[in-house]
Structure formats: structure tokens, C-alpha cells
Amino acid sequence: MVYTKVHQIKNVERLYRSINYILDEAKTVEGSLKEDSLFPLIANGSTLCHQLASGHHVESLSHSATEMILMKKLSDQRFGREERSDLKTGKGTLAHHIIQSFSPNDRLTLEEIHEIGRQTILELTGGHYQMVMATHVDKGHIHNHIIFSSTNLTTLKKFRWQKGTKRSLENISDKYADRHGAKIIERKNELNAHSSYGAYRRQFSFKREIKSRLDFLLNHSTSISDFRAKAKAMNLDVDFSGKEATYRLLDHRQERNTREAALSKKGQYSLNSIAERVAKNKVVHSIEVIQSEYEKMVREREADFEMRLTIEDWQVKEKTASGIYVEVVYGVNNKGLIKIPLDKVDQLEDGRFELFLKKSDYFYFMNEQKSEKNRYMRGDTVMKQLAYNNGQVILNKHPYISKLDNLIKEFEFLSKHEVTAPEQFEELETKFMKQLEKTERTLSILEQRIEKLNKLSGALLAFEEGKTIGQEIFERYQVDPLKLNRGRIEKQLLETNVERQVLQDKVQSIVGNYQTYEKIRDHVHHRKEENTLSL
């Protein structure tokens, strides 16, 4: 596992002390002498040893602090800020001190660990800053200390440690560690279309998880007391003592309780609504298996996908033990790599790879030349670009398919237990019919999209032949024919047709299953009625 910490150095004395500390021979000396080692030689008593240290844009490791200060003085003079210099005020950052720690289980050589640190910092800074680094071997875990000046040697401007810099550092560090075979921490995506998704997740992730657990409990409790007991088993604190019901996750760092009104404007999670809802249930999971069944449901939900695409082996720049790295473009002249974890990838026998992504998946884009351009990319953006590059078609699995599948599983659960009580079956039937109506409307929208694309493709064909017959179509859809690409339209048509056909086939299959469960329900119900009459 690779961990990173960052400290800012804001005064001259500390800069000297920090560099002297990381170059301490007691912490950085390698016992064995290797002929091919790139590390500098130092005398350890009467023995020559390698010191696990290196520099970048510095003439001498021992005088690197002085060299950094000289460049800062030049920068201050160049921009006329001698009087308010960071060297005098101690308010600005003179250098950044990064600690990069490795697990003994990673089984990396000292050279590999040092190289991971060097590559990480050079990519983060673009190689334009003075740097000194050392690998410490005096503790149970080997770790790199990296100190780089905040003054750019090319522009003499300061390196700005911004909101996303730590995340960029972690992802770059993970990339090089992953390439060398070290185990890395799989971090959850923390950005979406919002620029501050980290804050968004902290604010709303508790609510999403609470609602997920409550919905599961509503389907698998038979009374308020049963509901509360199972909520406790699922690490959900429930408080009905106040005017509103409140909830808190016991296995998360949730500091404040969440009120029912924050979860549903319709009062779905109030005490009265819960009591009314669970009273309809006749068959549920027991308290002994409630947690394991919930975890099973979550695993199935996370393993689900919305888009499938086959990519060529030439699109994969590197495969590691934890994922594949593919090259993509983010904006104009901004080429970089993203990592797709192996749990979203299948390697085919012919060497190609099949990707299974959700539209809301996020991947960290890394420009190896300019780390300031590092960003997050949405799953659908990644898929569209990869598909465009290789000419393959994205298979879109509409999210309604998963919702209908889950409803059918509930029918299976009830039918398996021969539930004939009308309330539980009728409520499920109502949910199913509403979802079916939404799906039918979506199919209609897809058909309209196909019609539009067909008209545009035909009009563009006429336009390319010098005919004006399709001008009204362009005006109707407010598009400029000069900006259209018929090849891309045809590809969109193919993908939309596939999405529509898959959704249509699923609807027909699910309707058939639903009709089967209706027959089972009616059969069981009539059989019980006959048994009652015979008594």
C-alpha cells in the first residue's frame, strides 16, 4: 500500500533542517555496495556505501537548500517583491515536503521505491522545480522524503498547491506504484460534474445509504419492533421519540442524525408510514440473515453496468495487477491516461478487452506532461471516446432494465414463499406497472431519437450531393449541416437502435415473467380457497 502525506515549509531555518533531516546518513545508507547503483557513494567510517538520495536541478545535495534560496531571491528581485519576500515574512510556502510510504508486503527493491518517488514528483511538477529526495530505511516501512522548491526555474513563479493537487499527487503516485507491482488503495471516485463533488458526497452520501437501508427494511419487516431490531442489525440507528423520525449510520462517521423530511418529502420514512407499509408484509428475511442479504443486494447493484464496449489491445497502454491504462483526450491538445479497474474489465481470448461501465463512473485523467490539466472524466465520456477511436459500438443497457429485474426478483421471492395476501402482492404489482409505463415512454423517446437521426442522415446525404432538399430538416432541428458528420450520425443510430432493441426485448421477457407469477399467485390462492371449503 502506498500512502502520501504533505507538509509545507514556510521559513528558511526549517528548510535547512528538513533537508538535513531527510539526508541523514543514519536513515539513508544502503548496506550493500552495488556496481550498477545510481545512488551516490559516501564514506561510512572506513567503508564506502550508497546513500539512497538524489536531486533534480541541484548541483549538490548538501547545498540544495542554499540553491533553492538563491532562486527565490532572484524571483523576488525579478518581480520587485524583496520587501515582502516569503524569505523574510515566513508567510508563503518556500517548499513542499512529501512523504511517500510503502508496505513491506509490496516487496519492492530500494531502487524501485526511489524511482516511484522520483517519477511521481517529476510528473506532478513537470520537472521545472529544484528537488531533493531520500529513501529512508530506518523504520519498519520504507518511505521516500521529497522536498521540492516552490519556485519554477523557467518562469520564476510559485507552484500553487490547490484544492485538487493532493488528489493529483495520490493518483500519480498510485499509477507508478501500480506499474511497479505495489498494491495501491482503491479510492472511491470523488468528483462528478460538480467541481466540488467531495463536499457533495460528504453532504449526501449518508442520505443515499440511509435510504437504501430503509427501503430494504420496508420490504423485509413485519412490524415496527421487527423494523427496529433489523435496523440495529444493519447498523442503522432509528429514533422515533421526537416529532420526526431520525436516522444515523453507526458504521459511518455520521455526526448528526438525519431527519425523515430530509429523506422524503412525501413522508415515506415517518413512523406512521413505516408502520402502515410493513404491516402489509407476510414474508420477509429473518433478522439472522438481514445484513447478509442486504450486502448481497448491494454487491449485485455495484456489479451492474449500463454500458458495454469492446476495445482493441492497441488502446491499452499498460495492464497491471489492478487495472488497465488507456489513452484518452480531454479537450484540445490534452492527451493523458486513465486507469480502469479490473473489476470493470474482461480480457477476451483474442487479446481485446471488454469494458463494463456506468455513466456515473468517474476516472482520473492524468496528463503526464502537465499535471495541472489532470481532471476527472465521466464513464460515458470515456466510452464514447474509446468507441470513436476504434469504431466499435457501445451497448447501452438502460437503467430501467435493472429496475425491472429487481422487481421481478421480488415477485420470485413472494412466489417462492407462496404469498397470496393481496396487500404485499398488489403493492409490488403497482410499482411494477408504474415502472413498465416509464419504460414504455422511454422506448417511445428512443424511437423519436432514431427518427430524428435518420432524417438528419438523409438530409446530410442530400447536402453532400449538392441538393437542398433537406434544408427544412436542418432548420427544424436547428443544426448546421457543415458541423455534422454522417459517419458519427450513423454510429449514433446504430447504438440507439441496439439500446432500443435490448430494452424492448427485456420488456417483453419481463412481461412474460410477470404473467407467469400472476398465474402462480392465482393458482396458489385458488388452491387455498378449495382447501378451506373442503374443511
Protein backbone atom coordinates (compact mmCIF):
# COMPACT_ATOMS: atom_id res chain seq x y z
CA MET A 1 0.00 0.00 0.00
CA VAL A 2 1.25 3.49 -0.84
CA TYR A 3 0.38 6.43 1.41
CA THR A 4 1.27 10.09 0.90
CA LYS A 5 1.47 13.00 3.33
CA VAL A 6 2.27 16.63 2.55
CA HIS A 7 3.78 19.41 4.65
CA GLN A 8 4.51 22.99 3.67
CA ILE A 9 7.84 24.57 4.63
CA LYS A 10 7.43 28.29 5.33
CA ASN A 11 10.69 29.53 6.83
CA VAL A 12 14.36 29.33 5.89
CA GLU A 13 15.52 27.63 9.08
CA ARG A 14 13.01 24.83 8.67
CA LEU A 15 14.01 24.37 5.02
CA TYR A 16 17.62 23.73 6.09
CA ARG A 17 16.55 21.46 8.96
CA SER A 18 14.16 19.46 6.78
CA ILE A 19 16.71 18.81 4.04
CA ASN A 20 19.37 17.88 6.61
CA TYR A 21 16.86 15.52 8.22
CA ILE A 22 15.93 13.67 5.06
CA LEU A 23 19.62 13.34 4.05
CA ASP A 24 20.61 11.92 7.46
CA GLU A 25 23.09 9.13 6.69
CA ALA A 26 21.75 7.00 9.54
CA LYS A 27 18.43 6.81 7.72
CA THR A 28 19.55 6.66 4.08
CA VAL A 29 22.58 4.38 3.90
CA GLU A 30 22.29 1.08 1.99
CA GLY A 31 24.39 -1.70 3.47
CA SER A 32 25.47 -3.44 0.27
CA LEU A 33 27.67 -1.86 -2.40
CA LYS A 34 26.38 -2.36 -5.96
CA GLU A 35 28.39 -1.64 -9.07
CA ASP A 36 25.35 -0.61 -11.14
CA SER A 37 23.76 1.56 -8.46
CA LEU A 38 22.88 5.14 -9.44
CA PHE A 39 22.93 6.33 -5.82
CA PRO A 40 25.89 8.49 -4.71
CA LEU A 41 28.75 6.96 -2.73
CA ILE A 42 29.57 8.21 0.75
CA ALA A 43 32.10 7.14 3.34
CA ASN A 44 30.59 5.41 6.36
CA GLY A 45 33.64 5.21 8.63
CA SER A 46 36.17 3.23 6.62
CA THR A 47 33.50 1.71 4.35
CA LEU A 48 32.05 3.08 1.15
CA CYS A 49 28.24 2.93 0.97
CA HIS A 50 25.47 4.13 -1.26
CA GLN A 51 23.28 6.91 0.04
CA LEU A 52 19.67 6.49 -1.06
CA ALA A 53 19.30 10.08 -2.20
CA SER A 54 19.05 12.06 -5.41
CA GLY A 55 18.36 15.56 -6.64
CA HIS A 56 16.90 17.38 -9.59
CA HIS A 57 18.14 20.77 -10.81
CA VAL A 58 20.54 21.00 -7.86
CA GLU A 59 24.35 20.86 -8.13
CA SER A 60 24.90 19.48 -4.65
CA LEU A 61 22.53 17.62 -2.34
CA SER A 62 24.16 19.04 0.78
CA HIS A 63 23.83 22.61 -0.53
CA SER A 64 20.38 22.19 -2.13
CA ALA A 65 18.65 24.45 0.43
CA THR A 66 21.04 27.29 -0.40
CA GLU A 67 20.48 26.76 -4.13
CA MET A 68 16.70 26.92 -3.63
CA ILE A 69 17.01 30.16 -1.64
CA LEU A 70 19.19 31.74 -4.33
CA MET A 71 16.47 31.11 -6.93
CA LYS A 72 13.87 32.61 -4.61
CA LYS A 73 15.96 35.73 -4.17
CA LEU A 74 16.25 36.02 -7.95
CA SER A 75 12.47 35.62 -8.26
CA ASP A 76 11.86 38.31 -5.63
CA GLN A 77 14.21 40.68 -7.43
CA ARG A 78 12.68 39.93 -10.83
CA PHE A 79 9.14 40.67 -9.62
CA GLY A 80 10.09 43.53 -7.28
CA ARG A 81 9.00 41.95 -4.02
CA GLU A 82 12.20 41.97 -1.96
CA GLU A 83 10.46 43.68 0.97
CA ARG A 84 7.51 41.31 1.08
CA SER A 85 9.55 38.23 0.22
CA ASP A 86 8.47 34.89 1.67
CA LEU A 87 12.07 34.53 2.82
CA LYS A 88 11.51 37.47 5.18
CA THR A 89 7.84 37.22 6.15
CA GLY A 90 7.65 33.46 6.67
CA LYS A 91 4.05 33.56 5.42
CA GLY A 92 4.43 31.99 1.99
CA THR A 93 5.46 28.44 1.15
CA LEU A 94 9.16 28.02 0.35
CA ALA A 95 9.00 24.31 -0.40
CA HIS A 96 6.70 21.31 -0.23
CA HIS A 97 7.69 18.24 1.77
CA ILE A 98 6.07 14.99 0.61
CA ILE A 99 6.30 11.68 2.45
CA GLN A 100 5.53 8.60 0.38
CA SER A 101 5.29 5.38 2.42
CA PHE A 102 5.30 1.76 1.22
CA SER A 103 4.21 -1.51 2.78
CA PRO A 104 6.83 -4.25 3.39
CA ASN A 105 4.35 -6.61 1.69
CA ASP A 106 4.91 -4.83 -1.63
CA ARG A 107 8.35 -6.49 -1.98
CA LEU A 108 9.84 -3.65 -3.97
CA THR A 109 13.58 -3.02 -4.26
CA LEU A 110 15.05 0.17 -2.84
CA GLU A 111 15.76 1.32 -6.39
CA GLU A 112 12.11 0.77 -7.37
CA ILE A 113 10.79 2.66 -4.34
CA HIS A 114 13.12 5.57 -5.00
CA GLU A 115 12.22 5.60 -8.70
CA ILE A 116 8.49 5.64 -7.93
CA GLY A 117 9.03 8.76 -5.82
CA ARG A 118 11.19 10.42 -8.48
CA GLN A 119 8.72 9.73 -11.29
CA THR A 120 5.80 10.87 -9.14
CA ILE A 121 7.27 14.24 -8.28
CA LEU A 122 8.62 14.94 -11.76
CA GLU A 123 5.19 14.35 -13.28
CA LEU A 124 3.44 16.40 -10.61
CA THR A 125 5.75 19.39 -11.11
CA GLY A 126 6.58 18.95 -14.79
CA GLY A 127 10.27 18.78 -13.81
CA HIS A 128 10.59 22.59 -13.52
CA TYR A 129 11.41 22.78 -9.81
CA GLN A 130 14.53 22.10 -7.73
CA MET A 131 14.10 18.89 -5.78
CA VAL A 132 15.97 16.70 -3.33
CA MET A 133 14.70 13.30 -2.21
CA ALA A 134 15.84 10.47 0.01
CA THR A 135 14.62 6.96 0.77
CA HIS A 136 14.59 6.12 4.48
CA VAL A 137 15.23 2.55 5.62
CA ASP A 138 15.48 3.12 9.38
CA LYS A 139 11.88 2.10 10.15
CA GLY A 140 9.70 -0.94 9.55
CA HIS A 141 8.25 0.61 6.41
CA ILE A 142 10.46 2.10 3.72
CA HIS A 143 9.43 5.61 2.74
CA ASN A 144 10.51 8.46 0.50
CA HIS A 145 11.02 12.04 1.64
CA ILE A 146 10.75 14.52 -1.22
CA ILE A 147 11.31 18.26 -0.86
CA PHE A 148 10.82 20.49 -3.88
CA SER A 149 11.14 24.25 -4.10
CA SER A 150 8.02 26.28 -4.82
CA THR A 151 9.91 28.41 -7.38
CA ASN A 152 9.60 27.43 -11.04
CA LEU A 153 13.03 27.54 -12.72
CA THR A 154 11.52 28.55 -16.06
CA THR A 155 9.01 31.23 -15.06
CA LEU A 156 10.31 32.04 -11.54
CA LYS A 157 6.67 31.90 -10.45
CA LYS A 158 5.37 29.91 -7.48
CA PHE A 159 3.96 26.42 -7.53
CA ARG A 160 0.36 26.74 -6.37
CA TRP A 161 -0.80 23.93 -4.11
CA GLN A 162 -4.51 24.00 -4.91
CA LYS A 163 -7.60 22.10 -3.92
CA GLY A 164 -7.03 19.21 -6.33
CA THR A 165 -3.23 18.96 -6.04
CA LYS A 166 -3.25 16.35 -3.26
CA ARG A 167 -5.65 14.20 -5.25
CA SER A 168 -3.42 14.56 -8.31
CA LEU A 169 -0.38 13.58 -6.25
CA GLU A 170 -2.16 10.47 -4.94
CA ASN A 171 -3.27 9.34 -8.38
CA ILE A 172 0.15 9.87 -9.94
CA SER A 173 1.80 8.06 -7.02
CA ASP A 174 -0.69 5.19 -7.38
CA LYS A 175 -0.02 4.95 -11.12
CA TYR A 176 3.73 4.49 -10.77
CA ALA A 177 3.38 2.22 -7.73
CA ASP A 178 0.84 0.12 -9.64
CA ARG A 179 3.20 -0.16 -12.61
CA HIS A 180 5.96 -1.47 -10.35
CA GLY A 181 3.64 -4.04 -8.80
CA ALA A 182 2.86 -2.40 -5.47
CA LYS A 183 -0.60 -2.78 -4.01
CA ILE A 184 -2.49 0.51 -4.04
CA ILE A 185 -5.53 1.83 -2.21
CA GLU A 186 -8.59 1.75 -4.44
CA ARG A 187 -10.16 5.13 -3.77
CA LYS A 188 -13.80 5.88 -4.44
CA ASN A 189 -14.40 8.47 -7.11
CA GLU A 190 -14.78 11.85 -5.51
CA LEU A 191 -15.84 14.06 -8.37
CA ASN A 192 -18.72 14.34 -10.75
CA ALA A 193 -19.91 17.15 -12.98
CA HIS A 194 -19.87 19.40 -9.91
CA SER A 195 -16.47 20.98 -9.33
CA SER A 196 -16.64 20.15 -5.63
CA TYR A 197 -18.03 16.64 -5.59
CA GLY A 198 -16.04 15.77 -2.47
CA ALA A 199 -18.24 18.14 -0.48
CA TYR A 200 -21.30 16.92 -2.35
CA ARG A 201 -20.55 13.29 -1.36
CA ARG A 202 -19.98 14.21 2.28
CA GLN A 203 -23.31 16.00 2.37
CA PHE A 204 -25.43 13.47 0.52
CA SER A 205 -23.77 10.04 0.76
CA PHE A 206 -25.25 9.45 4.23
CA LYS A 207 -28.72 10.16 2.91
CA ARG A 208 -28.34 7.80 -0.02
CA GLU A 209 -27.10 4.97 2.18
CA ILE A 210 -29.77 5.54 4.83
CA LYS A 211 -32.50 5.48 2.18
CA SER A 212 -31.05 2.32 0.67
CA ARG A 213 -31.16 0.53 4.03
CA LEU A 214 -34.60 1.87 4.89
CA ASP A 215 -36.06 0.73 1.57
CA PHE A 216 -34.67 -2.74 2.17
CA LEU A 217 -36.13 -2.79 5.68
CA LEU A 218 -39.53 -1.65 4.42
CA ASN A 219 -39.65 -4.77 2.26
CA HIS A 220 -38.36 -7.11 4.94
CA SER A 221 -40.01 -6.15 8.23
CA THR A 222 -43.44 -7.11 9.56
CA SER A 223 -43.86 -4.66 12.43
CA ILE A 224 -42.28 -1.59 13.99
CA SER A 225 -40.47 -3.72 16.58
CA ASP A 226 -39.20 -6.04 13.83
CA PHE A 227 -38.17 -2.99 11.79
CA ARG A 228 -36.17 -1.52 14.68
CA ALA A 229 -34.47 -4.81 15.55
CA LYS A 230 -33.39 -5.36 11.96
CA ALA A 231 -32.29 -1.73 11.61
CA LYS A 232 -29.97 -2.29 14.58
CA ALA A 233 -28.62 -5.46 12.93
CA MET A 234 -27.89 -3.35 9.83
CA ASN A 235 -26.04 -0.67 11.85
CA LEU A 236 -28.80 1.89 11.41
CA ASP A 237 -29.88 3.85 14.49
CA VAL A 238 -33.61 4.66 14.45
CA ASP A 239 -35.17 7.24 16.77
CA PHE A 240 -38.96 7.65 16.82
CA SER A 241 -39.08 9.61 20.09
CA GLY A 242 -39.31 13.09 18.58
CA LYS A 243 -41.78 14.90 16.35
CA GLU A 244 -39.91 13.49 13.34
CA ALA A 245 -38.18 10.15 12.92
CA THR A 246 -34.38 10.48 12.72
CA TYR A 247 -31.74 8.09 11.42
CA ARG A 248 -27.98 7.67 11.76
CA LEU A 249 -25.48 5.22 10.28
CA LEU A 250 -23.50 3.51 13.02
CA ASP A 251 -20.78 2.19 10.70
CA HIS A 252 -20.04 5.61 9.13
CA ARG A 253 -18.67 8.83 10.57
CA GLN A 254 -22.06 10.49 10.57
CA GLU A 255 -22.01 13.16 13.25
CA ARG A 256 -25.65 14.32 13.09
CA ASN A 257 -28.89 12.42 12.79
CA THR A 258 -30.80 12.74 9.52
CA ARG A 259 -34.46 13.75 9.78
CA GLU A 260 -37.18 11.93 7.86
CA ALA A 261 -38.06 15.13 5.94
CA ALA A 262 -34.52 15.24 4.53
CA LEU A 263 -35.03 11.76 3.08
CA SER A 264 -38.54 12.05 1.64
CA LYS A 265 -40.88 14.99 1.10
CA LYS A 266 -43.79 12.55 0.93
CA GLY A 267 -43.25 11.31 4.49
CA GLN A 268 -42.22 7.85 3.29
CA TYR A 269 -39.95 7.28 6.31
CA SER A 270 -42.18 8.60 9.09
CA LEU A 271 -43.26 6.30 11.91
CA ASN A 272 -46.85 6.09 10.64
CA SER A 273 -45.83 5.43 7.04
CA ILE A 274 -43.41 2.71 8.10
CA ALA A 275 -45.98 1.03 10.36
CA GLU A 276 -48.56 1.07 7.56
CA ARG A 277 -46.09 -0.26 4.99
CA VAL A 278 -44.55 -3.13 6.97
CA ALA A 279 -47.96 -4.35 8.14
CA LYS A 280 -48.58 -5.49 4.53
CA ASN A 281 -45.58 -7.83 4.52
CA LYS A 282 -46.22 -11.52 5.09
CA VAL A 283 -42.84 -12.99 4.16
CA VAL A 284 -39.51 -11.31 4.86
CA HIS A 285 -35.85 -12.06 5.52
CA SER A 286 -35.17 -13.06 9.12
CA ILE A 287 -33.04 -10.95 11.45
CA GLU A 288 -30.29 -13.59 11.24
CA VAL A 289 -29.78 -13.04 7.51
CA ILE A 290 -30.99 -9.44 7.06
CA GLN A 291 -27.47 -7.96 6.98
CA SER A 292 -26.00 -10.60 4.65
CA GLU A 293 -28.96 -10.31 2.26
CA TYR A 294 -28.60 -6.54 2.19
CA GLU A 295 -24.88 -6.83 1.45
CA LYS A 296 -25.69 -9.31 -1.33
CA MET A 297 -28.13 -6.81 -2.84
CA VAL A 298 -25.52 -4.02 -2.66
CA ARG A 299 -22.89 -6.21 -4.34
CA GLU A 300 -25.26 -7.05 -7.17
CA ARG A 301 -26.14 -3.38 -7.59
CA GLU A 302 -22.49 -2.30 -7.70
CA ALA A 303 -21.60 -5.06 -10.17
CA ASP A 304 -24.32 -3.88 -12.53
CA PHE A 305 -23.33 -1.89 -15.61
CA GLU A 306 -25.01 0.48 -18.05
CA MET A 307 -22.56 0.41 -20.97
CA ARG A 308 -20.52 -2.35 -22.56
CA LEU A 309 -17.76 -1.80 -25.10
CA THR A 310 -15.04 -3.94 -26.65
CA ILE A 311 -11.73 -2.12 -27.09
CA GLU A 312 -8.68 -3.22 -29.04
CA ASP A 313 -5.42 -4.28 -27.39
CA TRP A 314 -3.62 -1.31 -29.00
CA GLN A 315 -5.86 1.03 -26.99
CA VAL A 316 -4.48 -0.40 -23.73
CA LYS A 317 -1.15 1.21 -22.95
CA GLU A 318 -0.45 -0.96 -19.93
CA LYS A 319 -2.06 -3.69 -17.86
CA THR A 320 -1.23 -4.09 -14.18
CA ALA A 321 -2.39 -6.35 -11.37
CA SER A 322 -5.23 -3.95 -10.54
CA GLY A 323 -6.36 -2.43 -13.84
CA ILE A 324 -5.66 -1.25 -17.38
CA TYR A 325 -4.41 2.15 -18.52
CA VAL A 326 -5.93 3.60 -21.67
CA GLU A 327 -5.02 6.79 -23.51
CA VAL A 328 -7.75 9.40 -23.99
CA VAL A 329 -8.02 13.08 -24.86
CA TYR A 330 -9.58 15.65 -22.55
CA GLY A 331 -10.26 18.84 -24.51
CA VAL A 332 -7.90 20.35 -27.07
CA ASN A 333 -4.33 19.04 -27.18
CA ASN A 334 -4.67 17.39 -23.79
CA LYS A 335 -3.75 13.72 -24.04
CA GLY A 336 -3.36 11.51 -20.99
CA LEU A 337 -4.06 8.19 -19.29
CA ILE A 338 -6.92 6.90 -17.20
CA LYS A 339 -6.99 3.71 -15.19
CA ILE A 340 -9.97 1.34 -15.42
CA PRO A 341 -10.03 -1.16 -12.51
CA LEU A 342 -10.02 -4.86 -13.39
CA ASP A 343 -13.45 -5.40 -11.80
CA LYS A 344 -14.83 -3.41 -14.75
CA VAL A 345 -12.81 -5.28 -17.38
CA ASP A 346 -12.85 -8.73 -19.01
CA GLN A 347 -9.93 -9.76 -21.21
CA LEU A 348 -11.12 -11.75 -24.21
CA GLU A 349 -9.31 -14.72 -25.75
CA ASP A 350 -8.32 -12.70 -28.82
CA GLY A 351 -6.44 -10.16 -26.68
CA ARG A 352 -9.11 -7.47 -26.76
CA PHE A 353 -10.80 -6.10 -23.63
CA GLU A 354 -14.48 -5.73 -22.78
CA LEU A 355 -15.40 -2.80 -20.52
CA PHE A 356 -18.48 -2.65 -18.28
CA LEU A 357 -19.07 0.89 -17.01
CA LYS A 358 -21.79 3.08 -15.60
CA LYS A 359 -22.40 6.54 -16.96
CA SER A 360 -21.81 7.99 -13.50
CA ASP A 361 -18.46 6.21 -13.02
CA TYR A 362 -15.53 8.62 -12.75
CA PHE A 363 -11.94 8.09 -13.80
CA TYR A 364 -8.93 10.25 -13.06
CA PHE A 365 -7.35 11.65 -16.23
CA MET A 366 -3.59 12.20 -15.93
CA ASN A 367 -1.63 14.32 -18.38
CA GLU A 368 1.93 13.07 -17.82
CA GLN A 369 3.42 16.29 -19.22
CA LYS A 370 1.18 18.84 -17.48
CA SER A 371 -0.30 17.64 -14.20
CA GLU A 372 -2.25 20.90 -13.80
CA LYS A 373 -4.53 19.54 -16.54
CA ASN A 374 -5.43 16.43 -14.55
CA ARG A 375 -9.19 16.04 -14.24
CA TYR A 376 -11.97 13.52 -13.68
CA MET A 377 -13.83 12.05 -16.66
CA ARG A 378 -17.34 10.58 -16.64
CA GLY A 379 -17.80 6.98 -17.67
CA ASP A 380 -20.00 7.83 -20.66
CA THR A 381 -17.41 10.36 -21.93
CA VAL A 382 -14.67 7.74 -21.69
CA MET A 383 -16.75 5.12 -23.51
CA LYS A 384 -17.74 7.48 -26.34
CA GLN A 385 -14.14 8.44 -26.97
CA LEU A 386 -12.82 4.87 -26.89
CA ALA A 387 -15.66 3.76 -29.19
CA TYR A 388 -14.96 6.64 -31.60
CA ASN A 389 -11.27 5.70 -31.73
CA ASN A 390 -11.85 2.04 -32.62
CA GLY A 391 -15.18 2.19 -34.48
CA GLN A 392 -16.90 -0.21 -32.06
CA VAL A 393 -20.50 0.19 -30.91
CA ILE A 394 -21.36 0.89 -27.28
CA LEU A 395 -24.04 -1.43 -25.95
CA ASN A 396 -26.17 0.75 -23.68
CA LYS A 397 -28.04 -1.18 -21.03
CA HIS A 398 -30.77 1.19 -19.93
CA PRO A 399 -31.01 1.57 -16.11
CA TYR A 400 -34.72 0.68 -16.33
CA ILE A 401 -33.65 -2.88 -17.16
CA SER A 402 -32.05 -3.21 -13.72
CA LYS A 403 -35.09 -1.71 -12.02
CA LEU A 404 -37.44 -4.13 -13.76
CA ASP A 405 -35.10 -7.02 -12.96
CA ASN A 406 -35.18 -6.12 -9.27
CA LEU A 407 -38.98 -6.02 -9.27
CA ILE A 408 -39.09 -9.47 -10.87
CA LYS A 409 -36.75 -10.75 -8.13
CA GLU A 410 -39.27 -9.52 -5.57
CA PHE A 411 -42.02 -11.42 -7.41
CA GLU A 412 -39.80 -14.51 -7.33
CA PHE A 413 -39.28 -14.09 -3.59
CA LEU A 414 -43.03 -13.85 -2.93
CA SER A 415 -43.93 -16.69 -5.27
CA LYS A 416 -41.26 -18.92 -3.74
CA HIS A 417 -42.92 -18.49 -0.36
CA GLU A 418 -46.43 -18.88 -1.84
CA VAL A 419 -47.55 -15.44 -0.72
CA THR A 420 -51.20 -14.90 -1.57
CA ALA A 421 -52.04 -11.99 0.72
CA PRO A 422 -53.25 -9.24 -1.62
CA GLU A 423 -51.54 -6.24 0.05
CA GLN A 424 -47.92 -7.24 -0.49
CA PHE A 425 -48.52 -8.59 -3.97
CA GLU A 426 -50.74 -5.68 -5.03
CA GLU A 427 -48.24 -3.06 -3.87
CA LEU A 428 -45.46 -4.79 -5.79
CA GLU A 429 -47.78 -5.04 -8.80
CA THR A 430 -48.45 -1.27 -8.65
CA LYS A 431 -44.71 -0.49 -8.56
CA PHE A 432 -44.13 -2.87 -11.44
CA MET A 433 -46.84 -1.32 -13.63
CA LYS A 434 -45.56 2.21 -12.95
CA GLN A 435 -42.02 1.20 -13.91
CA LEU A 436 -43.35 -0.53 -17.00
CA GLU A 437 -45.15 2.66 -18.04
CA LYS A 438 -41.94 4.69 -17.61
CA THR A 439 -40.06 2.13 -19.68
CA GLU A 440 -42.63 2.27 -22.47
CA ARG A 441 -42.32 6.07 -22.54
CA THR A 442 -38.55 5.72 -22.77
CA LEU A 443 -38.91 3.34 -25.70
CA SER A 444 -41.05 5.97 -27.40
CA ILE A 445 -38.35 8.61 -26.81
CA LEU A 446 -35.69 6.31 -28.26
CA GLU A 447 -37.86 5.77 -31.33
CA GLN A 448 -38.21 9.54 -31.75
CA ARG A 449 -34.44 9.91 -31.48
CA ILE A 450 -33.94 7.24 -34.15
CA GLU A 451 -36.41 9.02 -36.43
CA LYS A 452 -34.58 12.32 -35.95
CA LEU A 453 -31.17 10.77 -36.65
CA ASN A 454 -32.49 9.04 -39.75
CA LYS A 455 -33.90 12.32 -41.08
CA LEU A 456 -30.64 14.17 -40.38
CA SER A 457 -28.60 11.42 -42.02
CA GLY A 458 -30.80 11.51 -45.12
CA ALA A 459 -30.73 15.31 -45.30
CA LEU A 460 -26.96 15.31 -44.89
CA LEU A 461 -26.60 12.79 -47.69
CA ALA A 462 -28.56 15.13 -49.97
CA PHE A 463 -26.48 18.11 -48.79
CA GLU A 464 -23.24 16.28 -49.61
CA GLU A 465 -24.61 15.63 -53.12
CA GLY A 466 -25.25 19.37 -53.54
CA LYS A 467 -29.02 19.16 -53.14
CA THR A 468 -31.11 21.50 -50.95
CA ILE A 469 -33.96 19.05 -50.37
CA GLY A 470 -33.06 18.54 -46.70
CA GLN A 471 -32.69 22.20 -45.71
CA GLU A 472 -36.05 22.24 -43.89
CA ILE A 473 -34.90 19.33 -41.72
CA PHE A 474 -31.77 21.21 -40.67
CA GLU A 475 -33.86 24.27 -39.83
CA ARG A 476 -36.37 22.24 -37.86
CA TYR A 477 -33.70 20.69 -35.66
CA GLN A 478 -31.63 23.91 -35.62
CA VAL A 479 -28.41 22.29 -36.77
CA ASP A 480 -25.66 23.42 -39.13
CA PRO A 481 -25.00 20.76 -41.82
CA LEU A 482 -21.38 21.88 -42.02
CA LYS A 483 -20.88 20.79 -38.41
CA LEU A 484 -22.46 17.36 -38.88
CA ASN A 485 -20.60 14.14 -39.56
CA ARG A 486 -22.69 11.46 -41.24
CA GLY A 487 -20.38 8.67 -40.06
CA ARG A 488 -20.91 9.78 -36.48
CA ILE A 489 -24.67 10.06 -37.01
CA GLU A 490 -24.77 6.53 -38.41
CA LYS A 491 -22.84 5.29 -35.37
CA GLN A 492 -25.28 7.04 -33.01
CA LEU A 493 -28.13 5.46 -34.96
CA LEU A 494 -26.66 2.00 -34.57
CA GLU A 495 -26.06 2.46 -30.83
CA THR A 496 -29.55 3.88 -30.24
CA ASN A 497 -31.13 1.04 -32.23
CA VAL A 498 -29.19 -1.50 -30.15
CA GLU A 499 -30.25 0.23 -26.90
CA ARG A 500 -33.88 0.29 -28.02
CA GLN A 501 -33.83 -3.37 -29.11
CA VAL A 502 -32.23 -4.56 -25.86
CA LEU A 503 -34.74 -2.59 -23.79
CA GLN A 504 -37.65 -3.81 -25.92
CA ASP A 505 -36.53 -7.44 -25.67
CA LYS A 506 -36.16 -7.09 -21.91
CA VAL A 507 -39.64 -5.61 -21.55
CA GLN A 508 -41.17 -8.50 -23.49
CA SER A 509 -39.25 -11.03 -21.41
CA ILE A 510 -40.17 -9.37 -18.11
CA VAL A 511 -43.84 -9.04 -19.03
CA GLY A 512 -43.83 -12.76 -19.74
CA ASN A 513 -42.25 -13.49 -16.36
CA TYR A 514 -44.72 -11.22 -14.64
CA GLN A 515 -47.67 -13.00 -16.24
CA THR A 516 -46.22 -16.31 -15.03
CA TYR A 517 -46.03 -15.03 -11.45
CA GLU A 518 -49.62 -13.80 -11.68
CA LYS A 519 -50.70 -17.32 -12.67
CA ILE A 520 -48.72 -18.82 -9.78
CA ARG A 521 -50.30 -16.39 -7.36
CA ASP A 522 -53.81 -17.09 -8.63
CA HIS A 523 -53.20 -20.85 -8.62
CA VAL A 524 -51.97 -20.86 -5.03
CA HIS A 525 -54.82 -18.58 -3.97
CA HIS A 526 -57.49 -20.80 -5.56
CA ARG A 527 -55.91 -23.94 -4.12
CA LYS A 528 -56.05 -22.47 -0.61
CA GLU A 529 -59.69 -21.46 -1.14
CA GLU A 530 -60.58 -25.03 -2.20
CA ASN A 531 -58.83 -26.44 0.86
CA THR A 532 -60.78 -24.04 3.10
CA LEU A 533 -64.12 -25.01 1.52
CA SER A 534 -63.41 -28.76 1.86
CA LEU A 535 -62.96 -28.30 5.58
